[in-house]
Amino acid sequence: MKTEQEKLEWEKQAYGMSKAQLFAMVKEQAFPGTEIMFAAGMLSDAQEVISADLNNGNDGWVSPQQANQARQFINCAKAIIFDMLNKENA
């Protein structure tokens, strides 16, 4: 079983912040009922980070930092979507 510190470290590498910070950000920035659109926006952000426009000088390769940022955007979007699904099924 993971300690609270281990869980927090995992969240930070997965989301770029704690899960509590992620959901606080969603609550602060998304109007009620638009959380899925907020998640879709994060997926668009991930696409932008790996787009050719931002990777021109790399012969089409995405830097490890940008790949990690895209991964974190995707993980955040998934967490938001799963949270909304859990609320619907509760």
C-alpha atoms as a PDB file:
ATOM      1  CA  MET A   1       0.000   0.000   0.000  1.00  0.00           C
ATOM      2  CA  LYS A   2       1.334   3.439  -0.937  1.00  0.00           C
ATOM      3  CA  THR A   3       1.880   6.172   1.604  1.00  0.00           C
ATOM      4  CA  GLU A   4       0.214   9.556   1.161  1.00  0.00           C
ATOM      5  CA  GLN A   5       3.580  11.010   0.126  1.00  0.00           C
ATOM      6  CA  GLU A   6       4.023   8.312  -2.533  1.00  0.00           C
ATOM      7  CA  LYS A   7       0.515   8.970  -3.851  1.00  0.00           C
ATOM      8  CA  LEU A   8       1.229  12.697  -4.015  1.00  0.00           C
ATOM      9  CA  GLU A   9       4.516  12.133  -5.863  1.00  0.00           C
ATOM     10  CA  TRP A  10       2.727   9.875  -8.354  1.00  0.00           C
ATOM     11  CA  GLU A  11       0.025  12.508  -8.923  1.00  0.00           C
ATOM     12  CA  LYS A  12       2.631  15.215  -9.495  1.00  0.00           C
ATOM     13  CA  GLN A  13       4.461  13.193 -12.137  1.00  0.00           C
ATOM     14  CA  ALA A  14       1.181  12.123 -13.766  1.00  0.00           C
ATOM     15  CA  TYR A  15      -0.662  15.465 -13.749  1.00  0.00           C
ATOM     16  CA  GLY A  16       2.051  18.063 -13.153  1.00  0.00           C
ATOM     17  CA  MET A  17       0.237  18.916  -9.898  1.00  0.00           C
ATOM     18  CA  SER A  18      -1.676  17.117  -7.174  1.00  0.00           C
ATOM     19  CA  LYS A  19      -5.101  15.732  -8.016  1.00  0.00           C
ATOM     20  CA  ALA A  20      -6.569  18.147  -5.457  1.00  0.00           C
ATOM     21  CA  GLN A  21      -4.917  21.061  -7.274  1.00  0.00           C
ATOM     22  CA  LEU A  22      -6.237  19.767 -10.610  1.00  0.00           C
ATOM     23  CA  PHE A  23      -9.819  19.599  -9.375  1.00  0.00           C
ATOM     24  CA  ALA A  24      -9.512  22.992  -7.662  1.00  0.00           C
ATOM     25  CA  MET A  25      -8.353  24.452 -10.989  1.00  0.00           C
ATOM     26  CA  VAL A  26     -11.298  22.875 -12.812  1.00  0.00           C
ATOM     27  CA  LYS A  27     -13.739  24.180 -10.202  1.00  0.00           C
ATOM     28  CA  GLU A  28     -12.233  27.666 -10.472  1.00  0.00           C
ATOM     29  CA  GLN A  29     -11.962  27.858 -14.261  1.00  0.00           C
ATOM     30  CA  ALA A  30     -14.816  25.751 -15.670  1.00  0.00           C
ATOM     31  CA  PHE A  31     -18.464  26.687 -15.381  1.00  0.00           C
ATOM     32  CA  PRO A  32     -20.590  23.938 -13.797  1.00  0.00           C
ATOM     33  CA  GLY A  33     -21.616  21.480 -16.491  1.00  0.00           C
ATOM     34  CA  THR A  34     -18.696  22.361 -18.781  1.00  0.00           C
ATOM     35  CA  GLU A  35     -16.056  20.167 -17.171  1.00  0.00           C
ATOM     36  CA  ILE A  36     -15.967  17.806 -20.169  1.00  0.00           C
ATOM     37  CA  MET A  37     -15.320  20.769 -22.477  1.00  0.00           C
ATOM     38  CA  PHE A  38     -12.533  21.846 -20.114  1.00  0.00           C
ATOM     39  CA  ALA A  39     -11.032  18.358 -20.475  1.00  0.00           C
ATOM     40  CA  ALA A  40     -11.376  18.606 -24.265  1.00  0.00           C
ATOM     41  CA  GLY A  41      -9.463  21.874 -24.105  1.00  0.00           C
ATOM     42  CA  MET A  42      -6.657  20.102 -22.270  1.00  0.00           C
ATOM     43  CA  LEU A  43      -6.548  17.481 -25.020  1.00  0.00           C
ATOM     44  CA  SER A  44      -6.256  20.318 -27.543  1.00  0.00           C
ATOM     45  CA  ASP A  45      -3.386  21.716 -25.477  1.00  0.00           C
ATOM     46  CA  ALA A  46      -1.663  18.319 -25.703  1.00  0.00           C
ATOM     47  CA  GLN A  47      -2.093  18.353 -29.485  1.00  0.00           C
ATOM     48  CA  GLU A  48      -0.621  21.835 -29.670  1.00  0.00           C
ATOM     49  CA  VAL A  49       2.436  20.869 -27.625  1.00  0.00           C
ATOM     50  CA  ILE A  50       3.282  18.054 -30.056  1.00  0.00           C
ATOM     51  CA  SER A  51       2.337  19.944 -33.235  1.00  0.00           C
ATOM     52  CA  ALA A  52       4.807  20.517 -36.037  1.00  0.00           C
ATOM     53  CA  ASP A  53       4.663  24.283 -35.443  1.00  0.00           C
ATOM     54  CA  LEU A  54       6.204  23.921 -31.996  1.00  0.00           C
ATOM     55  CA  ASN A  55       8.736  21.342 -33.146  1.00  0.00           C
ATOM     56  CA  ASN A  56      10.089  22.953 -36.328  1.00  0.00           C
ATOM     57  CA  GLY A  57      13.755  22.843 -35.415  1.00  0.00           C
ATOM     58  CA  ASN A  58      13.634  19.220 -34.317  1.00  0.00           C
ATOM     59  CA  ASP A  59      13.049  17.550 -37.714  1.00  0.00           C
ATOM     60  CA  GLY A  60       9.565  16.601 -36.534  1.00  0.00           C
ATOM     61  CA  TRP A  61      10.735  15.099 -33.249  1.00  0.00           C
ATOM     62  CA  VAL A  62       9.047  16.164 -30.038  1.00  0.00           C
ATOM     63  CA  SER A  63      11.393  16.999 -27.177  1.00  0.00           C
ATOM     64  CA  PRO A  64      11.153  14.881 -24.023  1.00  0.00           C
ATOM     65  CA  GLN A  65       9.910  17.935 -22.101  1.00  0.00           C
ATOM     66  CA  GLN A  66       7.111  18.582 -24.585  1.00  0.00           C
ATOM     67  CA  ALA A  67       6.201  14.897 -24.725  1.00  0.00           C
ATOM     68  CA  ASN A  68       5.954  14.873 -20.927  1.00  0.00           C
ATOM     69  CA  GLN A  69       3.824  18.014 -20.933  1.00  0.00           C
ATOM     70  CA  ALA A  70       1.477  16.452 -23.506  1.00  0.00           C
ATOM     71  CA  ARG A  71       1.288  13.272 -21.391  1.00  0.00           C
ATOM     72  CA  GLN A  72       0.358  15.330 -18.334  1.00  0.00           C
ATOM     73  CA  PHE A  73      -2.353  17.232 -20.249  1.00  0.00           C
ATOM     74  CA  ILE A  74      -3.804  13.896 -21.402  1.00  0.00           C
ATOM     75  CA  ASN A  75      -3.698  12.453 -17.871  1.00  0.00           C
ATOM     76  CA  CYS A  76      -5.437  15.564 -16.510  1.00  0.00           C
ATOM     77  CA  ALA A  77      -8.168  15.295 -19.134  1.00  0.00           C
ATOM     78  CA  LYS A  78      -8.692  11.618 -18.320  1.00  0.00           C
ATOM     79  CA  ALA A  79      -8.910  12.347 -14.587  1.00  0.00           C
ATOM     80  CA  ILE A  80     -11.552  15.023 -15.208  1.00  0.00           C
ATOM     81  CA  ILE A  81     -13.582  12.751 -17.499  1.00  0.00           C
ATOM     82  CA  PHE A  82     -13.402   9.812 -15.066  1.00  0.00           C
ATOM     83  CA  ASP A  83     -14.412  12.096 -12.184  1.00  0.00           C
ATOM     84  CA  MET A  84     -17.456  13.289 -14.132  1.00  0.00           C
ATOM     85  CA  LEU A  85     -18.412   9.702 -15.025  1.00  0.00           C
ATOM     86  CA  ASN A  86     -18.119   8.667 -11.369  1.00  0.00           C
ATOM     87  CA  LYS A  87     -20.384  11.560 -10.355  1.00  0.00           C
ATOM     88  CA  GLU A  88     -22.959  10.528 -12.975  1.00  0.00           C
ATOM     89  CA  ASN A  89     -22.947   6.942 -11.726  1.00  0.00           C
ATOM     90  CA  ALA A  90     -23.105   7.856  -8.031  1.00  0.00           C
END
